[in-house]
Amino acid sequence: MHLITSEIELANIIRNGGVIAYPTEAVWGLGCDPFNESAVRRILAIKSRPESKGLILITGEKEHLTPWLNILDSKSGERLVSMNTIPTSWVVPDTTITPSWVKGEHQSVAIRLSQHEPVKRLCAAFQGVVVSTSANPAGLEPATSAEEVNAYFGEKIDAIYDAPLGTASQPSQVRDILTDTLFRA
């Protein structure tokens, strides 16, 4: 198990096309640079996740959301950067910003502004959004510890971020940014 505490080192792994595991608000996630097609496809392969489903993007900094904020009306933009008591991933219409290998079969992308400190530090070091998908092979429960991540993926990932898991009781809810419709509670 390759545990790393340095966000700068983790950001460099991501920049160089690597895949890492990191703690989110409730479960462990797998992450990479969403604009690096081979890294995203590697995550899809190790999870046995169909590309068509799409992936979530995450950051801890509002500035990283500028491309999507620029295409949203002000009310939707406020939703995207709102600080919710429940972690919320917003489904944002997107036909030109996010690559198809992240969006899957959708003309939208789910994006979360996280308040979880390790996520905020990681994305600040990377200076952008990263992929956020639960750290589990398809059909299995998401990992809730670094040990579970290692048991699932071992050498198939490049590093595990040695930081604490958040205290949320379940993965983020998913809502439509335009209508506030709940897709996943």
N, C-alpha and C. Protein backbone atom coordinates (compact mmCIF):
# COMPACT_ATOMS: atom_id res chain seq x y z
N MET A 1 0.86 -1.18 0.00
CA MET A 1 0.00 0.00 0.00
C MET A 1 0.90 1.23 0.00
N HIS A 2 0.72 2.10 -0.99
CA HIS A 2 1.56 3.29 -1.17
C HIS A 2 0.82 4.51 -0.61
N LEU A 3 0.90 4.73 0.72
CA LEU A 3 0.25 5.87 1.36
C LEU A 3 1.09 7.12 1.20
N ILE A 4 0.43 8.21 0.82
CA ILE A 4 1.12 9.49 0.63
C ILE A 4 0.34 10.57 1.38
N THR A 5 1.06 11.41 2.12
CA THR A 5 0.41 12.52 2.83
C THR A 5 0.56 13.84 2.09
N SER A 6 1.52 13.96 1.19
CA SER A 6 1.78 15.22 0.50
C SER A 6 0.82 15.44 -0.66
N GLU A 7 0.02 16.50 -0.54
CA GLU A 7 -0.91 16.84 -1.63
C GLU A 7 -0.15 17.22 -2.90
N ILE A 8 1.02 17.82 -2.75
CA ILE A 8 1.81 18.20 -3.93
C ILE A 8 2.27 16.94 -4.68
N GLU A 9 2.72 15.95 -3.94
CA GLU A 9 3.13 14.69 -4.57
C GLU A 9 1.93 14.01 -5.25
N LEU A 10 0.78 14.01 -4.59
CA LEU A 10 -0.43 13.42 -5.17
C LEU A 10 -0.85 14.18 -6.43
N ALA A 11 -0.79 15.51 -6.37
CA ALA A 11 -1.15 16.32 -7.54
C ALA A 11 -0.22 16.02 -8.72
N ASN A 12 1.05 15.81 -8.44
CA ASN A 12 1.99 15.46 -9.51
C ASN A 12 1.67 14.10 -10.11
N ILE A 13 1.26 13.15 -9.28
CA ILE A 13 0.85 11.84 -9.80
C ILE A 13 -0.33 12.01 -10.74
N ILE A 14 -1.31 12.82 -10.32
CA ILE A 14 -2.50 13.06 -11.17
C ILE A 14 -2.08 13.76 -12.46
N ARG A 15 -1.26 14.80 -12.36
CA ARG A 15 -0.80 15.52 -13.55
C ARG A 15 -0.10 14.61 -14.55
N ASN A 16 0.60 13.60 -14.03
CA ASN A 16 1.34 12.67 -14.88
C ASN A 16 0.51 11.47 -15.32
N GLY A 17 -0.81 11.57 -15.21
CA GLY A 17 -1.70 10.52 -15.71
C GLY A 17 -1.98 9.41 -14.73
N GLY A 18 -1.65 9.63 -13.47
CA GLY A 18 -1.87 8.60 -12.46
C GLY A 18 -3.28 8.56 -11.91
N VAL A 19 -3.56 7.48 -11.20
CA VAL A 19 -4.84 7.27 -10.53
C VAL A 19 -4.56 7.13 -9.04
N ILE A 20 -5.29 7.89 -8.24
CA ILE A 20 -5.12 7.82 -6.79
C ILE A 20 -6.46 7.49 -6.13
N ALA A 21 -6.37 7.04 -4.89
CA ALA A 21 -7.55 6.90 -4.04
C ALA A 21 -7.46 7.98 -2.97
N TYR A 22 -8.60 8.57 -2.62
CA TYR A 22 -8.60 9.63 -1.63
C TYR A 22 -9.91 9.62 -0.85
N PRO A 23 -9.86 10.10 0.40
CA PRO A 23 -11.08 10.12 1.21
C PRO A 23 -11.98 11.29 0.83
N THR A 24 -13.26 11.00 0.69
CA THR A 24 -14.23 12.06 0.44
C THR A 24 -15.07 12.25 1.70
N GLU A 25 -16.23 12.85 1.55
CA GLU A 25 -17.07 13.16 2.70
C GLU A 25 -17.58 11.91 3.41
N ALA A 26 -17.82 10.81 2.67
CA ALA A 26 -18.42 9.61 3.28
C ALA A 26 -17.71 8.31 2.93
N VAL A 27 -17.15 8.22 1.72
CA VAL A 27 -16.49 7.00 1.26
C VAL A 27 -15.20 7.38 0.55
N TRP A 28 -14.38 6.39 0.25
CA TRP A 28 -13.16 6.64 -0.51
C TRP A 28 -13.50 6.75 -1.98
N GLY A 29 -12.77 7.62 -2.67
CA GLY A 29 -12.97 7.81 -4.10
C GLY A 29 -11.71 7.49 -4.87
N LEU A 30 -11.89 7.24 -6.15
CA LEU A 30 -10.77 7.14 -7.08
C LEU A 30 -10.75 8.42 -7.88
N GLY A 31 -9.56 8.95 -8.12
CA GLY A 31 -9.46 10.22 -8.83
C GLY A 31 -8.32 10.24 -9.82
N CYS A 32 -8.51 11.14 -10.79
CA CYS A 32 -7.49 11.39 -11.82
C CYS A 32 -7.83 12.71 -12.48
N ASP A 33 -7.01 13.09 -13.44
CA ASP A 33 -7.25 14.29 -14.24
C ASP A 33 -8.38 13.96 -15.23
N PRO A 34 -9.52 14.65 -15.15
CA PRO A 34 -10.62 14.33 -16.05
C PRO A 34 -10.32 14.61 -17.52
N PHE A 35 -9.30 15.40 -17.80
CA PHE A 35 -8.96 15.73 -19.18
C PHE A 35 -7.89 14.80 -19.74
N ASN A 36 -7.50 13.80 -18.95
CA ASN A 36 -6.54 12.79 -19.40
C ASN A 36 -7.32 11.51 -19.70
N GLU A 37 -7.56 11.27 -20.98
CA GLU A 37 -8.42 10.17 -21.39
C GLU A 37 -7.90 8.82 -20.90
N SER A 38 -6.61 8.57 -21.00
CA SER A 38 -6.09 7.26 -20.59
C SER A 38 -6.25 7.05 -19.08
N ALA A 39 -6.11 8.09 -18.28
CA ALA A 39 -6.29 7.96 -16.82
C ALA A 39 -7.74 7.66 -16.49
N VAL A 40 -8.67 8.34 -17.15
CA VAL A 40 -10.09 8.09 -16.91
C VAL A 40 -10.44 6.67 -17.34
N ARG A 41 -9.97 6.26 -18.49
CA ARG A 41 -10.27 4.90 -18.95
C ARG A 41 -9.67 3.85 -18.02
N ARG A 42 -8.54 4.17 -17.41
CA ARG A 42 -7.94 3.25 -16.44
C ARG A 42 -8.86 3.08 -15.22
N ILE A 43 -9.43 4.18 -14.72
CA ILE A 43 -10.38 4.08 -13.61
C ILE A 43 -11.58 3.24 -14.01
N LEU A 44 -12.13 3.51 -15.19
CA LEU A 44 -13.29 2.74 -15.64
C LEU A 44 -12.96 1.25 -15.72
N ALA A 45 -11.77 0.93 -16.19
CA ALA A 45 -11.37 -0.48 -16.32
C ALA A 45 -11.20 -1.14 -14.96
N ILE A 46 -10.52 -0.48 -14.02
CA ILE A 46 -10.28 -1.14 -12.73
C ILE A 46 -11.55 -1.24 -11.90
N LYS A 47 -12.53 -0.39 -12.17
CA LYS A 47 -13.81 -0.47 -11.48
C LYS A 47 -14.80 -1.38 -12.22
N SER A 48 -14.48 -1.73 -13.46
CA SER A 48 -15.44 -2.43 -14.34
C SER A 48 -16.72 -1.59 -14.47
N ARG A 49 -16.53 -0.29 -14.67
CA ARG A 49 -17.65 0.65 -14.79
C ARG A 49 -17.82 1.03 -16.25
N PRO A 50 -19.03 0.92 -16.78
CA PRO A 50 -19.25 1.33 -18.17
C PRO A 50 -19.05 2.84 -18.34
N GLU A 51 -18.40 3.22 -19.42
CA GLU A 51 -18.19 4.64 -19.71
C GLU A 51 -19.51 5.39 -19.81
N SER A 52 -20.54 4.71 -20.30
CA SER A 52 -21.83 5.36 -20.54
C SER A 52 -22.43 5.98 -19.28
N LYS A 53 -22.09 5.47 -18.09
CA LYS A 53 -22.66 5.99 -16.85
C LYS A 53 -22.17 7.39 -16.50
N GLY A 54 -20.97 7.73 -16.93
CA GLY A 54 -20.41 9.03 -16.58
C GLY A 54 -19.80 9.01 -15.19
N LEU A 55 -19.04 10.06 -14.88
CA LEU A 55 -18.33 10.20 -13.62
C LEU A 55 -18.58 11.58 -13.02
N ILE A 56 -18.39 11.70 -11.73
CA ILE A 56 -18.52 12.98 -11.03
C ILE A 56 -17.17 13.70 -11.03
N LEU A 57 -17.22 15.01 -11.07
CA LEU A 57 -16.03 15.85 -10.87
C LEU A 57 -16.15 16.51 -9.51
N ILE A 58 -15.00 16.72 -8.86
CA ILE A 58 -15.00 17.32 -7.52
C ILE A 58 -13.88 18.34 -7.40
N THR A 59 -14.13 19.35 -6.59
CA THR A 59 -13.10 20.31 -6.21
C THR A 59 -13.49 20.92 -4.88
N GLY A 60 -12.56 21.60 -4.27
CA GLY A 60 -12.84 22.32 -3.04
C GLY A 60 -12.77 23.82 -3.23
N GLU A 61 -12.54 24.26 -4.48
CA GLU A 61 -12.36 25.68 -4.75
C GLU A 61 -13.32 26.18 -5.83
N LYS A 62 -14.06 27.22 -5.51
CA LYS A 62 -15.03 27.79 -6.45
C LYS A 62 -14.38 28.20 -7.76
N GLU A 63 -13.14 28.69 -7.70
CA GLU A 63 -12.47 29.17 -8.92
C GLU A 63 -12.32 28.05 -9.96
N HIS A 64 -12.21 26.83 -9.51
CA HIS A 64 -12.07 25.70 -10.44
C HIS A 64 -13.36 25.44 -11.22
N LEU A 65 -14.46 26.03 -10.77
CA LEU A 65 -15.76 25.81 -11.41
C LEU A 65 -16.10 26.89 -12.44
N THR A 66 -15.19 27.82 -12.66
CA THR A 66 -15.45 28.95 -13.57
C THR A 66 -15.97 28.53 -14.94
N PRO A 67 -15.40 27.53 -15.62
CA PRO A 67 -15.92 27.18 -16.95
C PRO A 67 -17.41 26.83 -16.93
N TRP A 68 -17.85 26.13 -15.89
CA TRP A 68 -19.26 25.74 -15.81
C TRP A 68 -20.12 26.90 -15.32
N LEU A 69 -19.58 27.72 -14.40
CA LEU A 69 -20.33 28.88 -13.94
C LEU A 69 -20.60 29.83 -15.09
N ASN A 70 -19.67 29.90 -16.03
CA ASN A 70 -19.84 30.80 -17.18
C ASN A 70 -20.98 30.39 -18.11
N ILE A 71 -21.43 29.15 -18.03
CA ILE A 71 -22.53 28.72 -18.91
C ILE A 71 -23.86 28.60 -18.17
N LEU A 72 -23.86 28.87 -16.87
CA LEU A 72 -25.08 28.76 -16.07
C LEU A 72 -25.70 30.13 -15.80
N ASP A 73 -27.03 30.15 -15.62
CA ASP A 73 -27.68 31.37 -15.17
C ASP A 73 -27.29 31.61 -13.71
N SER A 74 -27.56 32.79 -13.19
CA SER A 74 -27.08 33.14 -11.85
C SER A 74 -27.65 32.24 -10.76
N LYS A 75 -28.94 31.87 -10.85
CA LYS A 75 -29.54 31.01 -9.83
C LYS A 75 -28.85 29.64 -9.81
N SER A 76 -28.62 29.07 -10.98
CA SER A 76 -27.96 27.76 -11.06
C SER A 76 -26.51 27.87 -10.61
N GLY A 77 -25.86 28.97 -10.96
CA GLY A 77 -24.49 29.18 -10.51
C GLY A 77 -24.40 29.26 -9.00
N GLU A 78 -25.37 29.91 -8.38
CA GLU A 78 -25.40 29.99 -6.92
C GLU A 78 -25.56 28.60 -6.31
N ARG A 79 -26.39 27.76 -6.93
CA ARG A 79 -26.55 26.38 -6.44
C ARG A 79 -25.22 25.63 -6.50
N LEU A 80 -24.52 25.77 -7.62
CA LEU A 80 -23.28 25.02 -7.82
C LEU A 80 -22.24 25.35 -6.75
N VAL A 81 -22.18 26.60 -6.32
CA VAL A 81 -21.16 27.00 -5.33
C VAL A 81 -21.72 27.11 -3.92
N SER A 82 -22.96 26.69 -3.71
CA SER A 82 -23.56 26.76 -2.38
C SER A 82 -22.91 25.74 -1.45
N MET A 83 -22.86 26.08 -0.19
CA MET A 83 -22.33 25.17 0.82
C MET A 83 -23.53 24.47 1.47
N ASN A 84 -23.69 23.20 1.14
CA ASN A 84 -24.82 22.43 1.65
C ASN A 84 -24.40 21.60 2.86
N THR A 85 -25.34 21.39 3.76
CA THR A 85 -25.04 20.55 4.92
C THR A 85 -24.89 19.09 4.49
N ILE A 86 -25.55 18.70 3.41
CA ILE A 86 -25.42 17.37 2.84
C ILE A 86 -24.54 17.50 1.59
N PRO A 87 -23.47 16.68 1.47
CA PRO A 87 -22.67 16.75 0.24
C PRO A 87 -23.57 16.56 -0.99
N THR A 88 -23.47 17.49 -1.94
CA THR A 88 -24.35 17.50 -3.11
C THR A 88 -23.55 17.61 -4.39
N SER A 89 -23.79 16.67 -5.29
CA SER A 89 -23.23 16.74 -6.65
C SER A 89 -24.33 17.25 -7.55
N TRP A 90 -24.04 18.30 -8.30
CA TRP A 90 -25.03 18.94 -9.17
C TRP A 90 -24.81 18.50 -10.60
N VAL A 91 -25.89 18.10 -11.27
CA VAL A 91 -25.84 17.72 -12.67
C VAL A 91 -26.01 18.99 -13.49
N VAL A 92 -24.92 19.33 -14.21
CA VAL A 92 -24.82 20.60 -14.95
C VAL A 92 -24.85 20.32 -16.45
N PRO A 93 -25.71 21.02 -17.22
CA PRO A 93 -25.68 20.84 -18.68
C PRO A 93 -24.29 21.20 -19.20
N ASP A 94 -23.78 20.38 -20.10
CA ASP A 94 -22.41 20.58 -20.56
C ASP A 94 -22.21 19.86 -21.89
N THR A 95 -22.10 20.62 -22.95
CA THR A 95 -21.85 20.01 -24.25
C THR A 95 -20.47 20.34 -24.78
N THR A 96 -19.74 21.23 -24.10
CA THR A 96 -18.47 21.68 -24.67
C THR A 96 -17.27 21.65 -23.73
N ILE A 97 -17.46 21.53 -22.43
CA ILE A 97 -16.35 21.68 -21.49
C ILE A 97 -15.74 20.33 -21.10
N THR A 98 -16.57 19.44 -20.61
CA THR A 98 -16.10 18.17 -20.08
C THR A 98 -16.00 17.13 -21.19
N PRO A 99 -14.92 16.35 -21.23
CA PRO A 99 -14.75 15.35 -22.27
C PRO A 99 -15.82 14.25 -22.20
N SER A 100 -16.11 13.65 -23.35
CA SER A 100 -17.13 12.60 -23.44
C SER A 100 -16.79 11.41 -22.57
N TRP A 101 -15.50 11.11 -22.39
CA TRP A 101 -15.13 9.95 -21.58
C TRP A 101 -15.45 10.16 -20.10
N VAL A 102 -15.73 11.39 -19.68
CA VAL A 102 -16.17 11.68 -18.32
C VAL A 102 -17.70 11.74 -18.28
N LYS A 103 -18.32 12.38 -19.26
CA LYS A 103 -19.78 12.55 -19.27
C LYS A 103 -20.53 11.27 -19.61
N GLY A 104 -19.87 10.34 -20.29
CA GLY A 104 -20.57 9.13 -20.72
C GLY A 104 -21.60 9.46 -21.78
N GLU A 105 -22.78 8.89 -21.63
CA GLU A 105 -23.84 9.09 -22.63
C GLU A 105 -24.64 10.37 -22.39
N HIS A 106 -24.21 11.18 -21.44
CA HIS A 106 -24.98 12.36 -21.03
C HIS A 106 -24.49 13.65 -21.70
N GLN A 107 -25.38 14.61 -21.78
CA GLN A 107 -25.03 15.95 -22.23
C GLN A 107 -24.90 16.87 -21.01
N SER A 108 -24.41 16.27 -19.93
CA SER A 108 -24.26 16.97 -18.66
C SER A 108 -23.15 16.28 -17.88
N VAL A 109 -22.74 16.93 -16.79
CA VAL A 109 -21.74 16.35 -15.90
C VAL A 109 -22.14 16.67 -14.46
N ALA A 110 -21.89 15.74 -13.56
CA ALA A 110 -22.15 15.97 -12.14
C ALA A 110 -20.89 16.57 -11.52
N ILE A 111 -21.08 17.67 -10.77
CA ILE A 111 -19.96 18.40 -10.17
C ILE A 111 -20.27 18.67 -8.71
N ARG A 112 -19.26 18.46 -7.85
CA ARG A 112 -19.46 18.73 -6.43
C ARG A 112 -18.37 19.68 -5.92
N LEU A 113 -18.81 20.71 -5.21
CA LEU A 113 -17.91 21.59 -4.47
C LEU A 113 -17.85 21.04 -3.06
N SER A 114 -16.74 20.44 -2.71
CA SER A 114 -16.60 19.74 -1.44
C SER A 114 -16.11 20.67 -0.33
N GLN A 115 -16.59 20.42 0.87
CA GLN A 115 -16.12 21.13 2.05
C GLN A 115 -15.16 20.27 2.86
N HIS A 116 -14.89 19.06 2.37
CA HIS A 116 -14.01 18.13 3.08
C HIS A 116 -12.56 18.60 2.90
N GLU A 117 -11.87 18.87 4.00
CA GLU A 117 -10.53 19.47 3.95
C GLU A 117 -9.53 18.71 3.09
N PRO A 118 -9.43 17.37 3.20
CA PRO A 118 -8.47 16.68 2.32
C PRO A 118 -8.76 16.89 0.83
N VAL A 119 -10.03 16.89 0.45
CA VAL A 119 -10.39 17.13 -0.95
C VAL A 119 -10.00 18.56 -1.33
N LYS A 120 -10.27 19.51 -0.47
CA LYS A 120 -9.92 20.90 -0.75
C LYS A 120 -8.41 21.05 -0.95
N ARG A 121 -7.61 20.42 -0.08
CA ARG A 121 -6.15 20.53 -0.20
C ARG A 121 -5.64 19.84 -1.46
N LEU A 122 -6.20 18.67 -1.77
CA LEU A 122 -5.78 17.93 -2.97
C LEU A 122 -6.07 18.74 -4.23
N CYS A 123 -7.28 19.26 -4.35
CA CYS A 123 -7.66 20.01 -5.56
C CYS A 123 -6.92 21.35 -5.65
N ALA A 124 -6.60 21.95 -4.50
CA ALA A 124 -5.80 23.17 -4.51
C ALA A 124 -4.40 22.87 -5.04
N ALA A 125 -3.83 21.76 -4.61
CA ALA A 125 -2.49 21.40 -5.09
C ALA A 125 -2.51 21.04 -6.57
N PHE A 126 -3.58 20.36 -7.01
CA PHE A 126 -3.71 20.00 -8.42
C PHE A 126 -4.09 21.21 -9.27
N GLN A 127 -4.72 22.18 -8.68
CA GLN A 127 -5.19 23.41 -9.32
C GLN A 127 -6.31 23.14 -10.33
N GLY A 128 -7.23 22.27 -9.93
CA GLY A 128 -8.36 22.00 -10.79
C GLY A 128 -9.27 20.92 -10.23
N VAL A 129 -10.30 20.60 -11.00
CA VAL A 129 -11.22 19.53 -10.62
C VAL A 129 -10.57 18.18 -10.88
N VAL A 130 -10.98 17.18 -10.13
CA VAL A 130 -10.53 15.81 -10.36
C VAL A 130 -11.76 14.90 -10.46
N VAL A 131 -11.56 13.75 -11.06
CA VAL A 131 -12.62 12.74 -11.12
C VAL A 131 -12.89 12.27 -9.70
N SER A 132 -14.16 12.02 -9.40
CA SER A 132 -14.55 11.47 -8.11
C SER A 132 -15.55 10.35 -8.34
N THR A 133 -15.09 9.13 -8.21
CA THR A 133 -15.97 7.98 -8.31
C THR A 133 -15.64 7.06 -7.15
N SER A 134 -16.64 6.42 -6.60
CA SER A 134 -16.40 5.61 -5.41
C SER A 134 -15.35 4.54 -5.66
N ALA A 135 -14.55 4.30 -4.62
CA ALA A 135 -13.44 3.33 -4.71
C ALA A 135 -13.97 1.93 -4.42
N ASN A 136 -14.52 1.33 -5.46
CA ASN A 136 -15.01 -0.04 -5.38
C ASN A 136 -15.19 -0.61 -6.77
N PRO A 137 -14.92 -1.90 -6.92
CA PRO A 137 -15.29 -2.55 -8.19
C PRO A 137 -16.82 -2.58 -8.30
N ALA A 138 -17.33 -2.57 -9.51
CA ALA A 138 -18.78 -2.60 -9.74
C ALA A 138 -19.41 -3.73 -8.95
N GLY A 139 -20.51 -3.42 -8.26
CA GLY A 139 -21.26 -4.42 -7.53
C GLY A 139 -20.83 -4.61 -6.08
N LEU A 140 -19.72 -4.01 -5.67
CA LEU A 140 -19.25 -4.12 -4.29
C LEU A 140 -19.45 -2.79 -3.56
N GLU A 141 -19.46 -2.86 -2.24
CA GLU A 141 -19.65 -1.65 -1.43
C GLU A 141 -18.44 -0.72 -1.56
N PRO A 142 -18.65 0.61 -1.55
CA PRO A 142 -17.53 1.54 -1.59
C PRO A 142 -16.61 1.37 -0.38
N ALA A 143 -15.33 1.53 -0.60
CA ALA A 143 -14.35 1.42 0.48
C ALA A 143 -14.56 2.55 1.49
N THR A 144 -14.40 2.20 2.77
CA THR A 144 -14.49 3.21 3.82
C THR A 144 -13.17 3.31 4.60
N SER A 145 -12.11 2.67 4.08
CA SER A 145 -10.79 2.77 4.70
C SER A 145 -9.72 2.56 3.63
N ALA A 146 -8.52 3.03 3.95
CA ALA A 146 -7.39 2.82 3.04
C ALA A 146 -7.12 1.33 2.87
N GLU A 147 -7.33 0.56 3.91
CA GLU A 147 -7.11 -0.88 3.83
C GLU A 147 -8.08 -1.53 2.85
N GLU A 148 -9.32 -1.11 2.86
CA GLU A 148 -10.30 -1.64 1.90
C GLU A 148 -9.94 -1.23 0.47
N VAL A 149 -9.49 0.00 0.29
CA VAL A 149 -9.03 0.45 -1.03
C VAL A 149 -7.91 -0.46 -1.52
N ASN A 150 -6.95 -0.71 -0.65
CA ASN A 150 -5.82 -1.56 -1.01
C ASN A 150 -6.28 -2.98 -1.34
N ALA A 151 -7.22 -3.50 -0.58
CA ALA A 151 -7.73 -4.85 -0.84
C ALA A 151 -8.43 -4.92 -2.19
N TYR A 152 -9.18 -3.87 -2.54
CA TYR A 152 -9.88 -3.83 -3.83
C TYR A 152 -8.91 -3.67 -5.01
N PHE A 153 -7.94 -2.76 -4.87
CA PHE A 153 -7.18 -2.34 -6.04
C PHE A 153 -5.67 -2.59 -5.99
N GLY A 154 -5.09 -2.66 -4.80
CA GLY A 154 -3.66 -2.95 -4.67
C GLY A 154 -2.81 -2.13 -5.62
N GLU A 155 -2.03 -2.81 -6.44
CA GLU A 155 -1.09 -2.14 -7.35
C GLU A 155 -1.76 -1.56 -8.61
N LYS A 156 -3.07 -1.69 -8.73
CA LYS A 156 -3.77 -1.13 -9.89
C LYS A 156 -3.89 0.40 -9.81
N ILE A 157 -3.65 0.96 -8.62
CA ILE A 157 -3.65 2.42 -8.47
C ILE A 157 -2.26 2.86 -8.05
N ASP A 158 -1.98 4.14 -8.22
CA ASP A 158 -0.63 4.66 -8.00
C ASP A 158 -0.36 5.13 -6.58
N ALA A 159 -1.40 5.52 -5.85
CA ALA A 159 -1.20 6.03 -4.49
C ALA A 159 -2.52 6.09 -3.76
N ILE A 160 -2.41 6.08 -2.44
CA ILE A 160 -3.55 6.29 -1.56
C ILE A 160 -3.23 7.50 -0.69
N TYR A 161 -4.13 8.48 -0.70
CA TYR A 161 -3.95 9.70 0.08
C TYR A 161 -4.20 9.37 1.55
N ASP A 162 -3.19 9.53 2.36
CA ASP A 162 -3.27 9.22 3.79
C ASP A 162 -3.88 10.42 4.51
N ALA A 163 -5.21 10.45 4.55
CA ALA A 163 -5.95 11.53 5.18
C ALA A 163 -7.27 10.96 5.69
N PRO A 164 -7.93 11.64 6.60
CA PRO A 164 -9.15 11.09 7.20
C PRO A 164 -10.38 11.18 6.28
N LEU A 165 -11.23 10.17 6.43
CA LEU A 165 -12.52 10.15 5.77
C LEU A 165 -13.43 11.17 6.45
N GLY A 166 -14.35 11.73 5.69
CA GLY A 166 -15.31 12.66 6.26
C GLY A 166 -16.33 11.94 7.14
N THR A 167 -17.23 12.71 7.70
CA THR A 167 -18.20 12.16 8.65
C THR A 167 -19.61 12.01 8.09
N ALA A 168 -19.79 12.27 6.79
CA ALA A 168 -21.12 12.11 6.20
C ALA A 168 -21.53 10.64 6.25
N SER A 169 -22.82 10.40 6.39
CA SER A 169 -23.30 9.03 6.56
C SER A 169 -23.49 8.29 5.25
N GLN A 170 -23.51 9.00 4.13
CA GLN A 170 -23.67 8.36 2.83
C GLN A 170 -23.04 9.22 1.75
N PRO A 171 -22.77 8.61 0.56
CA PRO A 171 -22.21 9.39 -0.55
C PRO A 171 -23.11 10.57 -0.92
N SER A 172 -22.57 11.48 -1.69
CA SER A 172 -23.30 12.71 -2.02
C SER A 172 -24.64 12.42 -2.67
N GLN A 173 -25.58 13.32 -2.36
CA GLN A 173 -26.82 13.29 -3.11
C GLN A 173 -26.52 13.88 -4.48
N VAL A 174 -27.34 13.54 -5.47
CA VAL A 174 -27.16 14.06 -6.83
C VAL A 174 -28.46 14.77 -7.21
N ARG A 175 -28.32 16.05 -7.61
CA ARG A 175 -29.48 16.88 -7.95
C ARG A 175 -29.25 17.58 -9.29
N ASP A 176 -30.33 17.88 -9.97
CA ASP A 176 -30.28 18.65 -11.21
C ASP A 176 -30.07 20.13 -10.87
N ILE A 177 -29.09 20.75 -11.48
CA ILE A 177 -28.75 22.14 -11.17
C ILE A 177 -29.85 23.11 -11.61
N LEU A 178 -30.60 22.77 -12.66
CA LEU A 178 -31.62 23.69 -13.18
C LEU A 178 -32.95 23.57 -12.44
N THR A 179 -33.31 22.35 -12.03
CA THR A 179 -34.64 22.13 -11.44
C THR A 179 -34.60 21.73 -9.97
N ASP A 180 -33.43 21.40 -9.44
CA ASP A 180 -33.25 20.92 -8.08
C ASP A 180 -33.88 19.52 -7.88
N THR A 181 -34.19 18.84 -8.97
CA THR A 181 -34.73 17.49 -8.88
C THR A 181 -33.69 16.55 -8.28
N LEU A 182 -34.12 15.71 -7.35
CA LEU A 182 -33.23 14.76 -6.69
C LEU A 182 -33.13 13.48 -7.52
N PHE A 183 -31.90 13.14 -7.94
CA PHE A 183 -31.66 11.90 -8.70
C PHE A 183 -31.19 10.78 -7.79
N ARG A 184 -30.37 11.10 -6.78
CA ARG A 184 -29.85 10.10 -5.85
C ARG A 184 -29.83 10.72 -4.47
N ALA A 185 -30.52 10.06 -3.54
CA ALA A 185 -30.55 10.57 -2.16
C ALA A 185 -29.35 10.06 -1.38
